[in-house]
Structure formats: structure tokens, C-alpha cells
Amino acid sequence: MSYNLHKIYGPIISDDESNKIFSFIELELESKKVVEINFEGVVAMSTKSAKRIFGTLYSKLNPEKFYERIHITNASKTLQEIIYDAITNYIDNN
């Protein structure tokens, strides 16, 4: 299943939306092997949002399962860096 963030939340992912996104992905992972998060059209996401969504998932799933089950597509280089930094920061602080 592809979860297109832009179609649901628009071009900017806010901190308030991160809890909704995390809850949806977590629920999808209960019944699906892979969840695709499509960033096409998303231009910005806060580090706090990325940490809440991807840092928490990375910690819960472990690195191997995270990369097997969470597929991030169409993310700009900037968004990729935000997500990577958020995961690294989450690991360092937990």
C-alpha cells in the first residue's frame, strides 16, 4: 500500500500531523508486510515530525525490519536528510 502524504496532508508535514501518520503506519504494519510512504509533492517536514514517525518506527522494528517493511519513495534529498538525522538523533537520545 502506498501512503501519499501530499494528497492527505499537503506539501508541509506539521508536528500535529506526525501522530496521525505514525498511528496509520503502525496500524498498516499489523496487516501488511510493507508500507510505502510516498513523499511526492511534500516539500517540508519538521525534524520533530520525522523523529516521531521514523525514529520511533526504527526503534520499534529494529534496523533490518525497518528497511524491509518501510519504503520511503519520492523524498527529496533534503527530506531524506531530515529523516536520516531524525533516526540518528532518536537512537542517540533513547
Protein backbone atom coordinates (compact mmCIF):
# COMPACT_ATOMS: atom_id res chain seq x y z
CA MET A 1 0.00 0.00 0.00
CA SER A 2 1.29 3.43 -0.90
CA TYR A 3 0.52 6.21 1.56
CA ASN A 4 0.73 9.52 -0.33
CA LEU A 5 1.40 12.17 2.30
CA HIS A 6 0.88 15.13 -0.03
CA LYS A 7 -2.62 14.04 -1.05
CA ILE A 8 -3.68 13.78 2.59
CA TYR A 9 -1.68 16.50 4.35
CA GLY A 10 -0.43 18.83 1.63
CA PRO A 11 3.12 19.97 0.89
CA ILE A 12 4.18 20.57 4.51
CA ILE A 13 4.01 17.89 7.21
CA SER A 14 3.41 19.55 10.57
CA ASP A 15 4.16 18.28 14.06
CA ASP A 16 0.43 17.78 14.70
CA GLU A 17 0.09 15.52 11.68
CA SER A 18 3.02 13.32 12.67
CA ASN A 19 0.98 11.46 15.32
CA LYS A 20 -1.71 10.67 12.74
CA ILE A 21 0.87 9.47 10.23
CA PHE A 22 2.67 7.34 12.82
CA SER A 23 -0.60 5.76 14.01
CA PHE A 24 -1.65 4.97 10.44
CA ILE A 25 1.69 3.35 9.56
CA GLU A 26 1.73 1.35 12.78
CA LEU A 27 -1.78 0.08 12.06
CA GLU A 28 -0.89 -0.80 8.47
CA LEU A 29 2.16 -2.76 9.64
CA GLU A 30 -0.12 -5.04 11.66
CA SER A 31 -1.73 -6.37 8.48
CA LYS A 32 0.81 -5.70 5.74
CA LYS A 33 4.39 -6.72 5.19
CA VAL A 34 5.42 -3.44 3.57
CA VAL A 35 4.17 0.13 3.83
CA GLU A 36 5.26 2.63 1.20
CA ILE A 37 5.36 6.25 2.31
CA ASN A 38 5.25 8.42 -0.79
CA PHE A 39 6.66 11.92 -0.38
CA GLU A 40 5.84 13.13 -3.89
CA GLY A 41 4.81 16.77 -3.61
CA VAL A 42 5.94 17.14 0.01
CA VAL A 43 8.42 20.00 0.33
CA ALA A 44 8.94 20.21 4.09
CA MET A 45 8.74 18.19 7.26
CA SER A 46 9.99 19.18 10.67
CA THR A 47 12.73 17.18 12.34
CA LYS A 48 10.36 16.66 15.26
CA SER A 49 7.79 15.05 12.92
CA ALA A 50 10.42 12.86 11.27
CA LYS A 51 11.74 11.79 14.67
CA ARG A 52 8.25 10.94 15.89
CA ILE A 53 7.38 8.92 12.80
CA PHE A 54 10.60 7.35 11.60
CA GLY A 55 12.74 7.38 14.73
CA THR A 56 10.03 5.60 16.69
CA LEU A 57 9.38 3.08 13.91
CA TYR A 58 13.10 2.42 13.53
CA SER A 59 13.40 1.76 17.24
CA LYS A 60 10.29 -0.46 17.42
CA LEU A 61 11.04 -2.54 14.34
CA ASN A 62 14.86 -2.72 14.59
CA PRO A 63 17.02 -1.58 11.67
CA GLU A 64 16.69 -4.66 9.48
CA LYS A 65 12.89 -4.85 9.70
CA PHE A 66 12.56 -1.08 9.31
CA TYR A 67 14.31 -1.15 5.93
CA GLU A 68 12.45 -4.29 4.85
CA ARG A 69 8.99 -3.02 5.78
CA ILE A 70 9.12 0.78 5.45
CA HIS A 71 9.70 2.04 1.91
CA ILE A 72 10.17 5.77 1.56
CA THR A 73 9.66 6.93 -2.00
CA ASN A 74 9.92 10.23 -3.89
CA ALA A 75 11.55 12.04 -0.96
CA SER A 76 13.78 14.94 -1.94
CA LYS A 77 17.40 14.89 -0.82
CA THR A 78 16.52 17.39 1.89
CA LEU A 79 13.68 15.23 3.22
CA GLN A 80 15.92 12.15 3.11
CA GLU A 81 18.50 14.00 5.22
CA ILE A 82 15.83 15.13 7.70
CA ILE A 83 14.59 11.54 8.07
CA TYR A 84 18.14 10.17 8.43
CA ASP A 85 19.04 12.84 11.01
CA ALA A 86 15.82 12.19 12.91
CA ILE A 87 16.52 8.45 13.12
CA THR A 88 20.11 9.06 14.21
CA ASN A 89 19.03 11.64 16.78
CA TYR A 90 16.30 9.35 18.12
CA ILE A 91 18.77 6.49 18.55
CA ASP A 92 21.34 8.72 20.24
CA ASN A 93 18.81 10.07 22.73
CA ASN A 94 16.92 6.86 23.62
